[in-house]
Amino acid sequence: MQYGIAHLSMISLRENPSDTAEQTSQILYGEFFKVLEVRKKWSRIRLAYDKYEGWIDNLQYTFCEEQQYKALIKEKPLLSINLVDFILLPNEQLMPVPLGVTLNALTILGHNFEGKNTNKKQLKNHLIETALVYLNTPYQWGGKTAFGIDCSGFTQMVYKINGHQLKRDASQQATQGDPLSFIEESEPGDLAFFDNDEGKITHVGIMMKDNYIIHAHGKVRIDRIDHTGIFNAERRTHTHKLRVIKRIIN
């Protein structure tokens, strides 16, 4: 088995080994993974954090030793907390990195970082403060940064920055936590899940107070939510059908 670390600010995780293949997620700087298969240009990997799999370009990661990988797994994730910050490379050049990159592998990569960071588990009431940092971020399928993000990437990153782990996709996140019986029971930071006409969960957002929700739909936005689902005041219609609200953090 081989192991790797992302040494660039963000790289695309693709469904198939091709530059034109669908981006299913993104790997941010410092994330580490198992390398399951290596081809001439592409590698199939499995992320340590959420076990998500896909293909990445061989030029966009650095191999590491097994003992280094195992040591990284044991550490609490140390994350950047500024919207944009900089990694200092060995050649004295600066590389910009987005909010929420992992800093545990700096020594392995030979890089330096002097920005703000955290590895603390924050209280539930801090989730909304973090979520608001992403407000107006454009929607991007597979995105995980404040320059393009999808609905479950948004919830995963908000929770991750606050020291709580979520799976990657909305349908996977819906298997976590405890369901609430009524919308009135929800608290800011709870997750609301929405399904399509086939009953498949396809969307997730973060509950706010007074029946508002923050979620990624076109952009990260704040809308009303009721027993039917999300109500878009601009369109004067419901855009998502509510399936369940889950409490991940008590």
Protein backbone atom coordinates (compact mmCIF):
# COMPACT_ATOMS: atom_id res chain seq x y z
CA MET A 1 0.00 0.00 0.00
CA GLN A 2 1.17 3.53 -0.84
CA TYR A 3 0.23 6.81 0.84
CA GLY A 4 0.05 10.44 -0.25
CA ILE A 5 -0.48 14.05 0.84
CA ALA A 6 -1.98 16.90 -1.19
CA HIS A 7 0.72 19.58 -1.57
CA LEU A 8 -1.35 22.09 -3.59
CA SER A 9 -4.05 24.43 -2.32
CA MET A 10 -6.86 22.39 -3.85
CA ILE A 11 -7.04 19.49 -6.28
CA SER A 12 -10.01 17.93 -8.02
CA LEU A 13 -11.11 14.44 -7.05
CA ARG A 14 -12.63 12.91 -10.18
CA GLU A 15 -14.99 10.04 -10.84
CA ASN A 16 -12.76 8.64 -13.60
CA PRO A 17 -9.07 9.06 -14.57
CA SER A 18 -9.57 11.94 -17.00
CA ASP A 19 -9.26 15.74 -16.92
CA THR A 20 -12.79 15.93 -18.33
CA ALA A 21 -14.32 13.51 -15.81
CA GLU A 22 -16.85 14.71 -13.24
CA GLN A 23 -15.42 16.37 -10.15
CA THR A 24 -17.00 14.48 -7.27
CA SER A 25 -15.13 16.33 -4.51
CA GLN A 26 -11.99 18.31 -3.79
CA ILE A 27 -8.90 17.54 -1.73
CA LEU A 28 -7.57 20.54 0.13
CA TYR A 29 -3.95 21.19 0.99
CA GLY A 30 -2.52 18.84 3.60
CA GLU A 31 -5.17 16.14 3.36
CA PHE A 32 -3.68 12.65 3.28
CA PHE A 33 -4.86 9.40 1.81
CA LYS A 34 -4.18 5.84 0.77
CA VAL A 35 -3.11 5.36 -2.85
CA LEU A 36 -5.12 2.39 -4.09
CA GLU A 37 -3.95 2.30 -7.71
CA VAL A 38 -1.31 4.17 -9.72
CA ARG A 39 -1.43 4.61 -13.49
CA LYS A 40 0.78 6.66 -15.82
CA LYS A 41 -1.04 9.97 -15.17
CA TRP A 42 -3.66 9.18 -12.52
CA SER A 43 -3.99 7.60 -9.08
CA ARG A 44 -7.09 6.25 -7.36
CA ILE A 45 -7.08 7.27 -3.71
CA ARG A 46 -9.12 6.91 -0.50
CA LEU A 47 -9.11 9.90 1.85
CA ALA A 48 -8.25 9.21 5.47
CA TYR A 49 -10.75 11.77 6.78
CA ASP A 50 -14.02 10.58 5.24
CA LYS A 51 -12.99 7.47 3.22
CA TYR A 52 -14.10 9.16 -0.01
CA GLU A 53 -12.56 7.64 -3.15
CA GLY A 54 -11.71 9.00 -6.58
CA TRP A 55 -8.97 9.78 -9.08
CA ILE A 56 -6.35 12.54 -8.86
CA ASP A 57 -3.52 13.73 -11.10
CA ASN A 58 -0.15 12.19 -10.17
CA LEU A 59 1.51 15.62 -10.36
CA GLN A 60 -0.73 17.00 -7.63
CA TYR A 61 0.33 14.98 -4.61
CA THR A 62 3.42 13.83 -2.72
CA PHE A 63 4.06 10.27 -1.58
CA CYS A 64 4.68 9.72 2.13
CA GLU A 65 5.83 6.79 4.24
CA GLU A 66 3.41 4.42 5.96
CA GLN A 67 4.60 5.45 9.42
CA GLN A 68 4.05 9.11 8.54
CA TYR A 69 0.52 8.34 7.37
CA LYS A 70 -0.25 6.39 10.55
CA ALA A 71 1.12 9.21 12.69
CA LEU A 72 -1.06 11.75 10.86
CA ILE A 73 -4.18 9.64 11.47
CA LYS A 74 -3.56 9.71 15.22
CA GLU A 75 -3.32 13.51 15.36
CA LYS A 76 -6.23 15.90 15.77
CA PRO A 77 -6.65 17.86 12.52
CA LEU A 78 -4.96 21.27 12.74
CA LEU A 79 -6.86 23.59 10.39
CA SER A 80 -6.40 27.08 8.98
CA ILE A 81 -9.20 29.45 9.98
CA ASN A 82 -8.67 32.52 7.78
CA LEU A 83 -10.70 32.84 4.59
CA VAL A 84 -7.43 32.87 2.64
CA ASP A 85 -3.93 32.32 3.99
CA PHE A 86 -0.49 31.42 2.67
CA ILE A 87 1.89 28.48 2.79
CA LEU A 88 5.59 29.36 2.58
CA LEU A 89 7.33 26.97 0.20
CA PRO A 90 11.01 25.92 0.46
CA ASN A 91 11.91 28.26 -2.43
CA GLU A 92 10.50 31.20 -0.42
CA GLN A 93 7.47 31.48 -2.70
CA LEU A 94 3.99 31.89 -1.22
CA MET A 95 1.07 29.61 -2.09
CA PRO A 96 -2.46 30.81 -1.21
CA VAL A 97 -4.66 28.27 0.54
CA PRO A 98 -8.39 28.42 1.37
CA LEU A 99 -10.17 28.25 4.71
CA GLY A 100 -10.00 24.85 6.41
CA VAL A 101 -6.82 23.33 4.99
CA THR A 102 -5.03 20.70 7.08
CA LEU A 103 -1.68 21.73 8.56
CA ASN A 104 -0.51 18.52 10.25
CA ALA A 105 1.78 17.54 7.36
CA LEU A 106 3.76 20.79 7.14
CA THR A 107 6.98 19.21 8.39
CA ILE A 108 6.67 16.24 6.05
CA LEU A 109 6.18 18.56 3.08
CA GLY A 110 8.90 20.96 4.19
CA HIS A 111 6.49 23.91 4.27
CA ASN A 112 5.82 26.70 6.78
CA PHE A 113 2.60 28.37 7.92
CA GLU A 114 2.24 31.37 10.23
CA GLY A 115 -1.49 32.07 9.95
CA LYS A 116 -4.29 31.45 12.44
CA ASN A 117 -5.19 27.82 13.08
CA THR A 118 -7.17 25.60 15.41
CA ASN A 119 -7.51 21.97 16.47
CA LYS A 120 -10.17 22.61 19.13
CA LYS A 121 -13.66 21.16 19.22
CA GLN A 122 -16.02 24.13 19.32
CA LEU A 123 -19.47 24.26 20.88
CA LYS A 124 -22.51 23.82 18.66
CA ASN A 125 -23.39 27.51 18.79
CA HIS A 126 -20.15 28.32 16.93
CA LEU A 127 -21.28 26.47 13.78
CA ILE A 128 -23.45 29.31 12.46
CA GLU A 129 -20.63 31.82 12.90
CA THR A 130 -18.44 29.64 10.68
CA ALA A 131 -21.26 29.01 8.19
CA LEU A 132 -21.76 32.74 7.67
CA VAL A 133 -18.15 33.07 6.50
CA TYR A 134 -19.19 31.08 3.40
CA LEU A 135 -22.23 33.29 2.67
CA ASN A 136 -22.57 34.09 -1.07
CA THR A 137 -19.99 31.46 -2.06
CA PRO A 138 -21.02 30.25 -5.55
CA TYR A 139 -22.36 26.71 -5.82
CA GLN A 140 -19.90 24.29 -7.41
CA TRP A 141 -20.51 20.57 -7.75
CA GLY A 142 -17.89 18.78 -5.65
CA GLY A 143 -16.56 22.06 -4.23
CA LYS A 144 -15.24 22.48 -0.68
CA THR A 145 -13.89 26.05 -0.57
CA ALA A 146 -15.21 29.58 -0.12
CA PHE A 147 -14.66 30.09 -3.86
CA GLY A 148 -17.01 27.26 -4.88
CA ILE A 149 -18.85 24.72 -2.73
CA ASP A 150 -21.69 22.21 -2.89
CA CYS A 151 -24.33 21.61 -0.24
CA SER A 152 -22.67 18.71 1.57
CA GLY A 153 -19.18 20.13 1.10
CA PHE A 154 -20.47 23.22 2.88
CA THR A 155 -21.88 21.32 5.86
CA GLN A 156 -18.83 19.04 6.07
CA MET A 157 -16.38 21.95 6.09
CA VAL A 158 -18.37 23.99 8.64
CA TYR A 159 -18.45 21.01 11.00
CA LYS A 160 -14.80 20.11 10.30
CA ILE A 161 -13.51 23.59 11.13
CA ASN A 162 -15.34 23.30 14.45
CA GLY A 163 -13.83 19.89 15.25
CA HIS A 164 -16.78 17.66 14.29
CA GLN A 165 -16.67 15.00 11.59
CA LEU A 166 -19.28 14.54 8.86
CA LYS A 167 -19.26 12.19 5.90
CA ARG A 168 -18.97 13.70 2.41
CA ASP A 169 -22.32 13.35 0.61
CA ALA A 170 -25.76 14.49 1.83
CA SER A 171 -27.13 10.94 1.70
CA GLN A 172 -24.18 9.75 3.80
CA GLN A 173 -24.51 12.59 6.31
CA ALA A 174 -28.19 11.70 6.70
CA THR A 175 -27.12 8.40 8.33
CA GLN A 176 -25.45 10.33 11.17
CA GLY A 177 -27.03 11.81 14.29
CA ASP A 178 -30.51 11.52 15.78
CA PRO A 179 -33.75 12.46 13.98
CA LEU A 180 -36.04 15.14 15.38
CA SER A 181 -39.80 14.71 15.39
CA PHE A 182 -40.73 18.32 14.70
CA ILE A 183 -39.06 21.34 13.13
CA GLU A 184 -39.79 23.25 16.36
CA GLU A 185 -37.33 20.96 18.16
CA SER A 186 -34.45 22.06 15.96
CA GLU A 187 -31.56 24.17 17.19
CA PRO A 188 -29.04 26.27 15.25
CA GLY A 189 -26.43 23.85 13.93
CA ASP A 190 -28.76 20.90 13.35
CA LEU A 191 -28.80 19.51 9.80
CA ALA A 192 -31.89 19.45 7.59
CA PHE A 193 -32.06 16.93 4.73
CA PHE A 194 -34.19 17.08 1.61
CA ASP A 195 -35.18 14.44 -0.93
CA ASN A 196 -36.22 14.33 -4.59
CA ASP A 197 -39.31 12.80 -6.18
CA GLU A 198 -37.72 9.33 -5.99
CA GLY A 199 -37.15 9.69 -2.25
CA LYS A 200 -33.37 10.02 -2.55
CA ILE A 201 -31.72 12.55 -0.24
CA THR A 202 -30.03 15.10 -2.48
CA HIS A 203 -29.65 18.26 -0.38
CA VAL A 204 -28.59 19.34 3.11
CA GLY A 205 -28.43 22.63 4.99
CA ILE A 206 -27.71 23.98 8.47
CA MET A 207 -30.59 25.09 10.65
CA MET A 208 -30.56 28.60 12.07
CA LYS A 209 -32.86 30.17 14.66
CA ASP A 210 -36.41 31.36 13.92
CA ASN A 211 -36.99 28.84 11.10
CA TYR A 212 -34.19 29.97 8.83
CA ILE A 213 -31.66 27.74 7.09
CA ILE A 214 -28.26 28.41 5.50
CA HIS A 215 -27.44 26.16 2.55
CA ALA A 216 -25.68 26.02 -0.84
CA HIS A 217 -28.18 26.42 -3.68
CA GLY A 218 -26.90 28.60 -6.52
CA LYS A 219 -24.81 30.18 -3.80
CA VAL A 220 -24.57 29.84 -0.03
CA ARG A 221 -27.74 31.62 1.02
CA ILE A 222 -30.22 32.02 3.88
CA ASP A 223 -33.85 31.02 3.30
CA ARG A 224 -36.96 30.27 5.31
CA ILE A 225 -37.79 26.67 6.19
CA ASP A 226 -41.13 25.16 7.20
CA HIS A 227 -42.69 21.70 7.46
CA THR A 228 -42.82 21.47 3.66
CA GLY A 229 -39.23 22.45 3.03
CA ILE A 230 -37.15 25.44 1.96
CA PHE A 231 -39.08 28.51 0.83
CA ASN A 232 -37.27 30.88 -1.53
CA ALA A 233 -38.77 34.35 -0.99
CA GLU A 234 -37.30 35.67 -4.24
CA ARG A 235 -39.01 32.98 -6.31
CA ARG A 236 -41.98 32.76 -3.94
CA THR A 237 -41.89 28.97 -4.05
CA HIS A 238 -40.56 25.96 -2.18
CA THR A 239 -37.30 24.76 -3.73
CA HIS A 240 -36.55 21.67 -1.61
CA LYS A 241 -38.79 19.07 0.06
CA LEU A 242 -37.95 18.40 3.71
CA ARG A 243 -37.20 14.79 4.60
CA VAL A 244 -35.71 14.89 8.11
CA ILE A 245 -33.83 17.07 10.56
CA LYS A 246 -30.94 15.41 12.38
CA ARG A 247 -29.10 16.44 15.53
CA ILE A 248 -25.41 15.67 15.10
CA ILE A 249 -24.14 17.58 18.14
CA ASN A 250 -26.09 17.72 21.41
